[in-house]
Amino acid sequence: MHLERRQDDAVSSSATALPSSLLPSTAAAPSGSTSDPVSDAPPTIPTIISADPPSAQNLPQPFDTSLGNNFTSPACPNFIRSFRDNSTFLSCLPLSLLLQTSNSFFQVTKSLVRITQTLDASCNVDFSVCSAMMAAYGRDIVQPDHCGPDYQNRHPMVLQAYNGFVAYQSLYQAGCLRDSTGNYCFANAITNTTSNTDSYPYYLPLGVGLPGGSRPTCNSCLRDTMAIFNTAAANRTQPVSQTYSDASQQINMGCGPEFANTTVANGAPALGTGGGLAPLVAVLVALYMLFL
């Protein structure tokens, strides 16, 4: 079974360089990187051709379909609308929320140029402002007077929103990584039609485990992305703490035993197991809800 690129078959540059403090030591910056023994990018990925940046109206947005009415708390859809219509929130263009809640983002991922333009906008933001906003929304959405009852009932849209808020930092870091040629690693992964599983690791911070049998391309982008997620997994409140351990072991089966660190900070194993059918069922239910 496959995930979609936002959720694929089964059911989701002119930017400022990523601050060095957010990069793992081996991550390739947009300029001046050197190659290493691991392939930097799939050979089928073409060099990015520059294009005019899209207007804000043409950029994808989270929660761009009907919210539906299957909520326990009447206040919950109003809360979702409140941040969905917030101009500052929209300007952050959070990859962590676009991955699962945006139909327009799914369309953008079909074009290397358009996904690159979108990542340019997503990465060229005031990270401190956006990170603080996402953290605040992550705290607020689970409150009883907002979406707390629906969160407790595991409403798919509310869970996606919460996971997207708390995973903003790690997916900002991973989404803004570039390979040695200057291409975004995520853009390479999501448009690589010869290896459909390359984009799957980007769902780990959202609590979606790596499907069994997935073999993402073993390159520096994958290695550095997993290094970011390894760091995030040390925080037990992050959904990636539930998915990282299994995914790292599975990736190492194809890429070698030392490719991804299989333990988190202080050598403590990541909590739980993230593989199996449960995450895929959650994605299927979420996609069904999204297109109601």
C-alpha atoms as a PDB file:
ATOM      1  CA  MET A   1       0.000   0.000   0.000  1.00  0.00           C
ATOM      2  CA  HIS A   2       1.322   3.442  -0.869  1.00  0.00           C
ATOM      3  CA  LEU A   3       0.901   6.796   0.746  1.00  0.00           C
ATOM      4  CA  GLU A   4      -0.082   9.692  -1.473  1.00  0.00           C
ATOM      5  CA  ARG A   5       2.412  12.420  -2.175  1.00  0.00           C
ATOM      6  CA  ARG A   6       0.197  14.464  -0.009  1.00  0.00           C
ATOM      7  CA  GLN A   7      -1.184  11.013   0.613  1.00  0.00           C
ATOM      8  CA  ASP A   8      -0.509   9.248  -2.676  1.00  0.00           C
ATOM      9  CA  ASP A   9      -1.879   6.069  -4.241  1.00  0.00           C
ATOM     10  CA  ALA A  10      -3.489   4.730  -1.105  1.00  0.00           C
ATOM     11  CA  VAL A  11      -5.686   6.964   0.607  1.00  0.00           C
ATOM     12  CA  SER A  12      -0.072  14.146   0.817  1.00  0.00           C
ATOM     13  CA  SER A  13      15.896  29.650  -5.668  1.00  0.00           C
ATOM     14  CA  SER A  14      15.871  32.505  -4.208  1.00  0.00           C
ATOM     15  CA  ALA A  15      15.003  31.658  -0.696  1.00  0.00           C
ATOM     16  CA  THR A  16      17.117  32.506   2.286  1.00  0.00           C
ATOM     17  CA  ALA A  17      19.333  29.579   3.251  1.00  0.00           C
ATOM     18  CA  LEU A  18      18.319  27.554   6.283  1.00  0.00           C
ATOM     19  CA  PRO A  19      20.119  28.926   9.367  1.00  0.00           C
ATOM     20  CA  SER A  20      23.190  26.848  10.125  1.00  0.00           C
ATOM     21  CA  SER A  21      21.979  26.289  13.682  1.00  0.00           C
ATOM     22  CA  LEU A  22      19.058  24.300  12.290  1.00  0.00           C
ATOM     23  CA  LEU A  23      21.126  22.093  10.020  1.00  0.00           C
ATOM     24  CA  PRO A  24      22.700  18.781  10.986  1.00  0.00           C
ATOM     25  CA  SER A  25      26.449  18.883  10.582  1.00  0.00           C
ATOM     26  CA  THR A  26      26.353  16.995   7.285  1.00  0.00           C
ATOM     27  CA  ALA A  27      23.431  18.802   5.696  1.00  0.00           C
ATOM     28  CA  ALA A  28      24.020  20.410   2.355  1.00  0.00           C
ATOM     29  CA  ALA A  29      23.503  24.167   2.353  1.00  0.00           C
ATOM     30  CA  PRO A  30      22.236  25.922  -0.792  1.00  0.00           C
ATOM     31  CA  SER A  31      25.738  26.874  -1.829  1.00  0.00           C
ATOM     32  CA  GLY A  32      29.239  25.575  -1.416  1.00  0.00           C
ATOM     33  CA  SER A  33      28.454  21.980  -0.454  1.00  0.00           C
ATOM     34  CA  THR A  34      30.743  19.160  -1.365  1.00  0.00           C
ATOM     35  CA  SER A  35      29.646  15.722  -2.384  1.00  0.00           C
ATOM     36  CA  ASP A  36      30.128  12.639  -0.244  1.00  0.00           C
ATOM     37  CA  PRO A  37      30.072   8.877  -0.811  1.00  0.00           C
ATOM     38  CA  VAL A  38      26.301   8.891  -0.592  1.00  0.00           C
ATOM     39  CA  SER A  39      24.484   9.941  -3.743  1.00  0.00           C
ATOM     40  CA  ASP A  40      23.300  13.556  -3.366  1.00  0.00           C
ATOM     41  CA  ALA A  41      20.220  13.245  -5.566  1.00  0.00           C
ATOM     42  CA  PRO A  42      18.514  10.713  -7.822  1.00  0.00           C
ATOM     43  CA  PRO A  43      20.095  10.995 -11.286  1.00  0.00           C
ATOM     44  CA  THR A  44      16.693  11.409 -12.925  1.00  0.00           C
ATOM     45  CA  ILE A  45      16.025  14.737 -11.172  1.00  0.00           C
ATOM     46  CA  PRO A  46      16.686  17.649 -13.569  1.00  0.00           C
ATOM     47  CA  THR A  47      18.330  20.922 -12.608  1.00  0.00           C
ATOM     48  CA  ILE A  48      15.775  23.459 -11.464  1.00  0.00           C
ATOM     49  CA  ILE A  49      14.949  26.128 -14.016  1.00  0.00           C
ATOM     50  CA  SER A  50      14.294  29.466 -12.373  1.00  0.00           C
ATOM     51  CA  ALA A  51      10.791  30.846 -12.662  1.00  0.00           C
ATOM     52  CA  ASP A  52       8.970  33.929 -11.504  1.00  0.00           C
ATOM     53  CA  PRO A  53       7.695  33.529  -7.938  1.00  0.00           C
ATOM     54  CA  PRO A  54       3.943  32.975  -7.661  1.00  0.00           C
ATOM     55  CA  SER A  55       1.696  35.518  -6.028  1.00  0.00           C
ATOM     56  CA  ALA A  56       0.390  34.786  -2.549  1.00  0.00           C
ATOM     57  CA  GLN A  57      -3.009  33.994  -4.053  1.00  0.00           C
ATOM     58  CA  ASN A  58      -1.470  31.198  -6.119  1.00  0.00           C
ATOM     59  CA  LEU A  59       0.302  29.498  -3.227  1.00  0.00           C
ATOM     60  CA  PRO A  60      -1.334  26.449  -1.633  1.00  0.00           C
ATOM     61  CA  GLN A  61      -3.102  26.823   1.691  1.00  0.00           C
ATOM     62  CA  PRO A  62      -3.869  24.393   4.523  1.00  0.00           C
ATOM     63  CA  PHE A  63      -7.456  23.277   5.064  1.00  0.00           C
ATOM     64  CA  ASP A  64      -8.561  24.495   1.645  1.00  0.00           C
ATOM     65  CA  THR A  65     -11.548  22.139   1.395  1.00  0.00           C
ATOM     66  CA  SER A  66     -14.799  21.895   3.316  1.00  0.00           C
ATOM     67  CA  LEU A  67     -14.406  21.306   7.038  1.00  0.00           C
ATOM     68  CA  GLY A  68     -17.561  19.217   7.163  1.00  0.00           C
ATOM     69  CA  ASN A  69     -19.803  19.142  10.225  1.00  0.00           C
ATOM     70  CA  ASN A  70     -18.727  15.984  12.032  1.00  0.00           C
ATOM     71  CA  PHE A  71     -17.433  17.759  15.136  1.00  0.00           C
ATOM     72  CA  THR A  72     -18.241  17.046  18.771  1.00  0.00           C
ATOM     73  CA  SER A  73     -17.568  20.622  19.859  1.00  0.00           C
ATOM     74  CA  PRO A  74     -19.433  23.397  17.977  1.00  0.00           C
ATOM     75  CA  ALA A  75     -16.494  25.697  18.762  1.00  0.00           C
ATOM     76  CA  CYS A  76     -13.973  23.503  16.946  1.00  0.00           C
ATOM     77  CA  PRO A  77     -14.748  24.380  13.304  1.00  0.00           C
ATOM     78  CA  ASN A  78     -14.845  28.049  14.287  1.00  0.00           C
ATOM     79  CA  PHE A  79     -11.390  27.715  15.829  1.00  0.00           C
ATOM     80  CA  ILE A  80     -10.062  26.044  12.683  1.00  0.00           C
ATOM     81  CA  ARG A  81     -11.528  28.827  10.554  1.00  0.00           C
ATOM     82  CA  SER A  82      -9.955  31.427  12.822  1.00  0.00           C
ATOM     83  CA  PHE A  83      -6.407  30.285  12.096  1.00  0.00           C
ATOM     84  CA  ARG A  84      -7.153  29.247   8.526  1.00  0.00           C
ATOM     85  CA  ASP A  85      -8.181  32.844   7.806  1.00  0.00           C
ATOM     86  CA  ASN A  86      -5.311  34.417   9.744  1.00  0.00           C
ATOM     87  CA  SER A  87      -3.029  36.228   7.297  1.00  0.00           C
ATOM     88  CA  THR A  88       0.076  35.754   9.449  1.00  0.00           C
ATOM     89  CA  PHE A  89      -0.594  32.039   9.743  1.00  0.00           C
ATOM     90  CA  LEU A  90      -1.094  31.743   5.990  1.00  0.00           C
ATOM     91  CA  SER A  91       2.105  33.655   5.270  1.00  0.00           C
ATOM     92  CA  CYS A  92       4.056  31.033   7.247  1.00  0.00           C
ATOM     93  CA  LEU A  93       2.985  28.443   4.645  1.00  0.00           C
ATOM     94  CA  PRO A  94       3.726  25.543   7.023  1.00  0.00           C
ATOM     95  CA  LEU A  95       4.820  22.393   5.209  1.00  0.00           C
ATOM     96  CA  SER A  96       3.777  20.407   8.274  1.00  0.00           C
ATOM     97  CA  LEU A  97       0.135  21.321   7.625  1.00  0.00           C
ATOM     98  CA  LEU A  98       0.225  21.406   3.836  1.00  0.00           C
ATOM     99  CA  LEU A  99       1.299  17.762   3.640  1.00  0.00           C
ATOM    100  CA  GLN A 100      -2.003  16.335   4.869  1.00  0.00           C
ATOM    101  CA  THR A 101      -4.637  19.062   4.737  1.00  0.00           C
ATOM    102  CA  SER A 102      -4.187  20.865   1.418  1.00  0.00           C
ATOM    103  CA  ASN A 103      -5.632  19.786  -1.896  1.00  0.00           C
ATOM    104  CA  SER A 104      -3.922  22.712  -3.629  1.00  0.00           C
ATOM    105  CA  PHE A 105      -0.565  21.531  -2.267  1.00  0.00           C
ATOM    106  CA  PHE A 106      -1.196  18.088  -3.719  1.00  0.00           C
ATOM    107  CA  GLN A 107      -1.637  19.727  -7.124  1.00  0.00           C
ATOM    108  CA  VAL A 108       1.561  21.749  -6.667  1.00  0.00           C
ATOM    109  CA  THR A 109       3.602  18.610  -5.987  1.00  0.00           C
ATOM    110  CA  LYS A 110       3.018  17.482  -9.562  1.00  0.00           C
ATOM    111  CA  SER A 111       5.408  20.179 -10.818  1.00  0.00           C
ATOM    112  CA  LEU A 112       9.059  20.552  -9.821  1.00  0.00           C
ATOM    113  CA  VAL A 113       8.974  24.273 -10.564  1.00  0.00           C
ATOM    114  CA  ARG A 114       5.792  24.913  -8.586  1.00  0.00           C
ATOM    115  CA  ILE A 115       6.837  22.878  -5.566  1.00  0.00           C
ATOM    116  CA  THR A 116      10.161  24.724  -5.594  1.00  0.00           C
ATOM    117  CA  GLN A 117       8.341  28.057  -5.656  1.00  0.00           C
ATOM    118  CA  THR A 118       6.200  26.913  -2.748  1.00  0.00           C
ATOM    119  CA  LEU A 119       9.223  25.828  -0.727  1.00  0.00           C
ATOM    120  CA  ASP A 120      10.895  29.146  -1.486  1.00  0.00           C
ATOM    121  CA  ALA A 121       7.946  30.889   0.145  1.00  0.00           C
ATOM    122  CA  SER A 122       7.713  28.403   3.019  1.00  0.00           C
ATOM    123  CA  CYS A 123      11.411  28.683   3.862  1.00  0.00           C
ATOM    124  CA  ASN A 124      11.746  32.441   3.399  1.00  0.00           C
ATOM    125  CA  VAL A 125       9.705  33.370   6.474  1.00  0.00           C
ATOM    126  CA  ASP A 126      10.453  34.740   9.928  1.00  0.00           C
ATOM    127  CA  PHE A 127      11.004  31.360  11.536  1.00  0.00           C
ATOM    128  CA  SER A 128      10.824  32.625  15.111  1.00  0.00           C
ATOM    129  CA  VAL A 129       7.443  34.269  14.503  1.00  0.00           C
ATOM    130  CA  CYS A 130       6.003  31.265  12.679  1.00  0.00           C
ATOM    131  CA  SER A 131       7.390  28.751  15.161  1.00  0.00           C
ATOM    132  CA  ALA A 132       5.910  30.655  18.103  1.00  0.00           C
ATOM    133  CA  MET A 133       2.544  30.901  16.345  1.00  0.00           C
ATOM    134  CA  MET A 134       2.419  27.173  15.582  1.00  0.00           C
ATOM    135  CA  ALA A 135       3.363  26.315  19.164  1.00  0.00           C
ATOM    136  CA  ALA A 136       0.588  28.564  20.464  1.00  0.00           C
ATOM    137  CA  TYR A 137      -1.986  27.011  18.143  1.00  0.00           C
ATOM    138  CA  GLY A 138      -0.791  23.565  19.197  1.00  0.00           C
ATOM    139  CA  ARG A 139      -1.542  24.438  22.809  1.00  0.00           C
ATOM    140  CA  ASP A 140      -4.843  26.142  22.032  1.00  0.00           C
ATOM    141  CA  ILE A 141      -6.403  23.521  19.784  1.00  0.00           C
ATOM    142  CA  VAL A 142      -6.536  20.893  22.539  1.00  0.00           C
ATOM    143  CA  GLN A 143      -8.261  23.207  25.025  1.00  0.00           C
ATOM    144  CA  PRO A 144     -11.829  22.231  26.022  1.00  0.00           C
ATOM    145  CA  ASP A 145     -13.261  25.488  24.679  1.00  0.00           C
ATOM    146  CA  HIS A 146     -11.708  24.917  21.260  1.00  0.00           C
ATOM    147  CA  CYS A 147     -11.221  21.393  19.873  1.00  0.00           C
ATOM    148  CA  GLY A 148     -10.390  19.473  23.052  1.00  0.00           C
ATOM    149  CA  PRO A 149     -13.365  17.078  22.863  1.00  0.00           C
ATOM    150  CA  ASP A 150     -12.659  16.327  19.196  1.00  0.00           C
ATOM    151  CA  TYR A 151      -8.977  15.817  19.947  1.00  0.00           C
ATOM    152  CA  GLN A 152      -9.903  13.312  22.646  1.00  0.00           C
ATOM    153  CA  ASN A 153     -12.215  11.583  20.152  1.00  0.00           C
ATOM    154  CA  ARG A 154      -9.347  11.491  17.614  1.00  0.00           C
ATOM    155  CA  HIS A 155     -11.140  13.501  14.972  1.00  0.00           C
ATOM    156  CA  PRO A 156      -8.857  13.107  11.902  1.00  0.00           C
ATOM    157  CA  MET A 157      -8.816  16.781  10.948  1.00  0.00           C
ATOM    158  CA  VAL A 158      -8.099  17.905  14.503  1.00  0.00           C
ATOM    159  CA  LEU A 159      -5.306  15.353  14.875  1.00  0.00           C
ATOM    160  CA  GLN A 160      -3.785  16.490  11.586  1.00  0.00           C
ATOM    161  CA  ALA A 161      -3.926  20.097  12.727  1.00  0.00           C
ATOM    162  CA  TYR A 162      -2.388  19.341  16.118  1.00  0.00           C
ATOM    163  CA  ASN A 163       0.370  17.172  14.659  1.00  0.00           C
ATOM    164  CA  GLY A 164       1.080  19.807  12.019  1.00  0.00           C
ATOM    165  CA  PHE A 165       1.412  22.532  14.640  1.00  0.00           C
ATOM    166  CA  VAL A 166       3.789  20.634  16.917  1.00  0.00           C
ATOM    167  CA  ALA A 167       5.856  19.265  14.000  1.00  0.00           C
ATOM    168  CA  TYR A 168       6.349  22.669  12.364  1.00  0.00           C
ATOM    169  CA  GLN A 169       9.989  23.093  13.361  1.00  0.00           C
ATOM    170  CA  SER A 170      11.265  19.681  12.267  1.00  0.00           C
ATOM    171  CA  LEU A 171       9.445  19.817   8.932  1.00  0.00           C
ATOM    172  CA  TYR A 172      10.606  23.380   8.340  1.00  0.00           C
ATOM    173  CA  GLN A 173      14.169  22.196   8.825  1.00  0.00           C
ATOM    174  CA  ALA A 174      13.729  19.101   6.647  1.00  0.00           C
ATOM    175  CA  GLY A 175      11.677  20.859   3.981  1.00  0.00           C
ATOM    176  CA  CYS A 176      14.278  23.597   3.555  1.00  0.00           C
ATOM    177  CA  LEU A 177      17.262  21.262   3.172  1.00  0.00           C
ATOM    178  CA  ARG A 178      18.983  21.400  -0.214  1.00  0.00           C
ATOM    179  CA  ASP A 179      21.242  18.945  -1.974  1.00  0.00           C
ATOM    180  CA  SER A 180      24.702  19.813  -3.317  1.00  0.00           C
ATOM    181  CA  THR A 181      23.197  21.124  -6.568  1.00  0.00           C
ATOM    182  CA  GLY A 182      20.951  23.615  -4.765  1.00  0.00           C
ATOM    183  CA  ASN A 183      17.701  21.719  -5.267  1.00  0.00           C
ATOM    184  CA  TYR A 184      15.356  21.240  -2.335  1.00  0.00           C
ATOM    185  CA  CYS A 185      15.595  17.690  -1.025  1.00  0.00           C
ATOM    186  CA  PHE A 186      11.833  17.559  -0.548  1.00  0.00           C
ATOM    187  CA  ALA A 187      11.207  18.754  -4.112  1.00  0.00           C
ATOM    188  CA  ASN A 188      13.458  15.985  -5.396  1.00  0.00           C
ATOM    189  CA  ALA A 189      11.663  13.401  -3.283  1.00  0.00           C
ATOM    190  CA  ILE A 190       8.082  14.390  -4.034  1.00  0.00           C
ATOM    191  CA  THR A 191       8.643  14.597  -7.807  1.00  0.00           C
ATOM    192  CA  ASN A 192      10.803  11.484  -8.186  1.00  0.00           C
ATOM    193  CA  THR A 193       8.521   9.199 -10.172  1.00  0.00           C
ATOM    194  CA  THR A 194      11.131   6.431 -10.298  1.00  0.00           C
ATOM    195  CA  SER A 195      11.069   6.059  -6.494  1.00  0.00           C
ATOM    196  CA  ASN A 196       7.611   6.815  -5.174  1.00  0.00           C
ATOM    197  CA  THR A 197       8.613   6.132  -1.572  1.00  0.00           C
ATOM    198  CA  ASP A 198      11.161   8.965  -1.371  1.00  0.00           C
ATOM    199  CA  SER A 199       8.600  11.360   0.089  1.00  0.00           C
ATOM    200  CA  TYR A 200       7.315   8.944   2.745  1.00  0.00           C
ATOM    201  CA  PRO A 201       9.862   9.826   5.472  1.00  0.00           C
ATOM    202  CA  TYR A 202       8.532  13.393   5.530  1.00  0.00           C
ATOM    203  CA  TYR A 203       5.329  12.106   7.118  1.00  0.00           C
ATOM    204  CA  LEU A 204       7.146  10.675  10.148  1.00  0.00           C
ATOM    205  CA  PRO A 205       6.884  13.939  12.153  1.00  0.00           C
ATOM    206  CA  LEU A 206       3.115  13.818  11.612  1.00  0.00           C
ATOM    207  CA  GLY A 207       2.817  10.430  13.291  1.00  0.00           C
ATOM    208  CA  VAL A 208       2.554   8.448  10.055  1.00  0.00           C
ATOM    209  CA  GLY A 209       4.846   5.433  10.082  1.00  0.00           C
ATOM    210  CA  LEU A 210       6.909   4.277   7.141  1.00  0.00           C
ATOM    211  CA  PRO A 211       4.907   1.597   5.285  1.00  0.00           C
ATOM    212  CA  GLY A 212       6.489  -1.831   5.282  1.00  0.00           C
ATOM    213  CA  GLY A 213       8.610  -2.490   2.228  1.00  0.00           C
ATOM    214  CA  SER A 214       9.315   1.194   1.574  1.00  0.00           C
ATOM    215  CA  ARG A 215      12.849   1.761   0.303  1.00  0.00           C
ATOM    216  CA  PRO A 216      13.540   5.506  -0.069  1.00  0.00           C
ATOM    217  CA  THR A 217      16.602   6.413  -2.128  1.00  0.00           C
ATOM    218  CA  CYS A 218      19.759   6.255  -0.009  1.00  0.00           C
ATOM    219  CA  ASN A 219      21.254   9.703  -0.491  1.00  0.00           C
ATOM    220  CA  SER A 220      22.523  12.584   1.604  1.00  0.00           C
ATOM    221  CA  CYS A 221      19.085  14.188   1.600  1.00  0.00           C
ATOM    222  CA  LEU A 222      17.534  11.162   3.283  1.00  0.00           C
ATOM    223  CA  ARG A 223      20.426  10.846   5.723  1.00  0.00           C
ATOM    224  CA  ASP A 224      20.225  14.503   6.782  1.00  0.00           C
ATOM    225  CA  THR A 225      16.432  14.455   6.950  1.00  0.00           C
ATOM    226  CA  MET A 226      16.542  11.460   9.264  1.00  0.00           C
ATOM    227  CA  ALA A 227      19.143  13.251  11.401  1.00  0.00           C
ATOM    228  CA  ILE A 228      16.675  16.107  11.900  1.00  0.00           C
ATOM    229  CA  PHE A 229      13.899  13.703  12.815  1.00  0.00           C
ATOM    230  CA  ASN A 230      16.219  11.817  15.167  1.00  0.00           C
ATOM    231  CA  THR A 231      16.751  15.017  17.132  1.00  0.00           C
ATOM    232  CA  ALA A 232      13.030  15.790  17.186  1.00  0.00           C
ATOM    233  CA  ALA A 233      12.210  12.262  18.373  1.00  0.00           C
ATOM    234  CA  ALA A 234      13.953  12.957  21.682  1.00  0.00           C
ATOM    235  CA  ASN A 235      10.952  15.122  22.582  1.00  0.00           C
ATOM    236  CA  ARG A 236       8.319  12.623  23.667  1.00  0.00           C
ATOM    237  CA  THR A 237       5.517  15.094  22.931  1.00  0.00           C
ATOM    238  CA  GLN A 238       6.408  14.983  19.231  1.00  0.00           C
ATOM    239  CA  PRO A 239       4.525  12.462  17.051  1.00  0.00           C
ATOM    240  CA  VAL A 240       7.849  11.508  15.435  1.00  0.00           C
ATOM    241  CA  SER A 241       8.855   9.899  18.747  1.00  0.00           C
ATOM    242  CA  GLN A 242       6.288   7.222  17.901  1.00  0.00           C
ATOM    243  CA  THR A 243       7.462   6.630  14.335  1.00  0.00           C
ATOM    244  CA  TYR A 244      11.191   7.271  14.144  1.00  0.00           C
ATOM    245  CA  SER A 245      12.615   4.076  15.619  1.00  0.00           C
ATOM    246  CA  ASP A 246      10.881   1.648  13.264  1.00  0.00           C
ATOM    247  CA  ALA A 247      11.505   3.889  10.258  1.00  0.00           C
ATOM    248  CA  SER A 248      15.228   4.258  10.959  1.00  0.00           C
ATOM    249  CA  GLN A 249      15.643   0.504  11.290  1.00  0.00           C
ATOM    250  CA  GLN A 250      13.721  -0.108   8.082  1.00  0.00           C
ATOM    251  CA  ILE A 251      15.755   2.478   6.177  1.00  0.00           C
ATOM    252  CA  ASN A 252      18.985   0.964   7.448  1.00  0.00           C
ATOM    253  CA  MET A 253      17.948  -2.380   5.983  1.00  0.00           C
ATOM    254  CA  GLY A 254      18.287  -0.820   2.543  1.00  0.00           C
ATOM    255  CA  CYS A 255      20.952   1.822   3.159  1.00  0.00           C
ATOM    256  CA  GLY A 256      23.295   0.144   5.624  1.00  0.00           C
ATOM    257  CA  PRO A 257      23.377  -0.273   9.407  1.00  0.00           C
ATOM    258  CA  GLU A 258      25.034   3.102  10.076  1.00  0.00           C
ATOM    259  CA  PHE A 259      22.985   5.205   7.656  1.00  0.00           C
ATOM    260  CA  ALA A 260      20.369   6.505  10.127  1.00  0.00           C
ATOM    261  CA  ASN A 261      20.819   6.722  13.870  1.00  0.00           C
ATOM    262  CA  THR A 262      18.420   4.207  15.392  1.00  0.00           C
ATOM    263  CA  THR A 263      18.485   5.732  18.876  1.00  0.00           C
ATOM    264  CA  VAL A 264      17.495   9.165  20.118  1.00  0.00           C
ATOM    265  CA  ALA A 265      19.247  11.478  22.578  1.00  0.00           C
ATOM    266  CA  ASN A 266      20.922   9.732  25.538  1.00  0.00           C
ATOM    267  CA  GLY A 267      20.531   6.419  23.725  1.00  0.00           C
ATOM    268  CA  ALA A 268      16.896   6.059  24.750  1.00  0.00           C
ATOM    269  CA  PRO A 269      14.812   4.225  22.151  1.00  0.00           C
ATOM    270  CA  ALA A 270      11.971   6.144  20.553  1.00  0.00           C
ATOM    271  CA  LEU A 271       8.580   5.373  22.028  1.00  0.00           C
ATOM    272  CA  GLY A 272       6.292   2.782  20.544  1.00  0.00           C
ATOM    273  CA  THR A 273       6.126   1.462  17.049  1.00  0.00           C
ATOM    274  CA  GLY A 274       4.979   3.588  14.172  1.00  0.00           C
ATOM    275  CA  GLY A 275       4.722   1.069  11.363  1.00  0.00           C
ATOM    276  CA  GLY A 276       1.930  -1.282  10.472  1.00  0.00           C
ATOM    277  CA  LEU A 277      -1.550  -0.490   9.278  1.00  0.00           C
ATOM    278  CA  ALA A 278      -2.704   1.948  11.951  1.00  0.00           C
ATOM    279  CA  PRO A 279      -1.053   5.064  10.483  1.00  0.00           C
ATOM    280  CA  LEU A 280      -2.259   4.175   7.007  1.00  0.00           C
ATOM    281  CA  VAL A 281      -5.802   3.698   8.253  1.00  0.00           C
ATOM    282  CA  ALA A 282      -5.611   7.143   9.842  1.00  0.00           C
ATOM    283  CA  VAL A 283      -4.489   8.626   6.540  1.00  0.00           C
ATOM    284  CA  LEU A 284      -7.284   6.888   4.645  1.00  0.00           C
ATOM    285  CA  VAL A 285      -9.886   8.179   7.084  1.00  0.00           C
ATOM    286  CA  ALA A 286      -8.411  11.668   6.924  1.00  0.00           C
ATOM    287  CA  LEU A 287      -8.489  11.741   3.137  1.00  0.00           C
ATOM    288  CA  TYR A 288     -12.096  10.574   3.173  1.00  0.00           C
ATOM    289  CA  MET A 289     -12.982  13.392   5.557  1.00  0.00           C
ATOM    290  CA  LEU A 290     -11.038  15.910   3.482  1.00  0.00           C
ATOM    291  CA  PHE A 291     -13.051  15.313   0.347  1.00  0.00           C
ATOM    292  CA  LEU A 292     -16.502  15.045   1.938  1.00  0.00           C
END
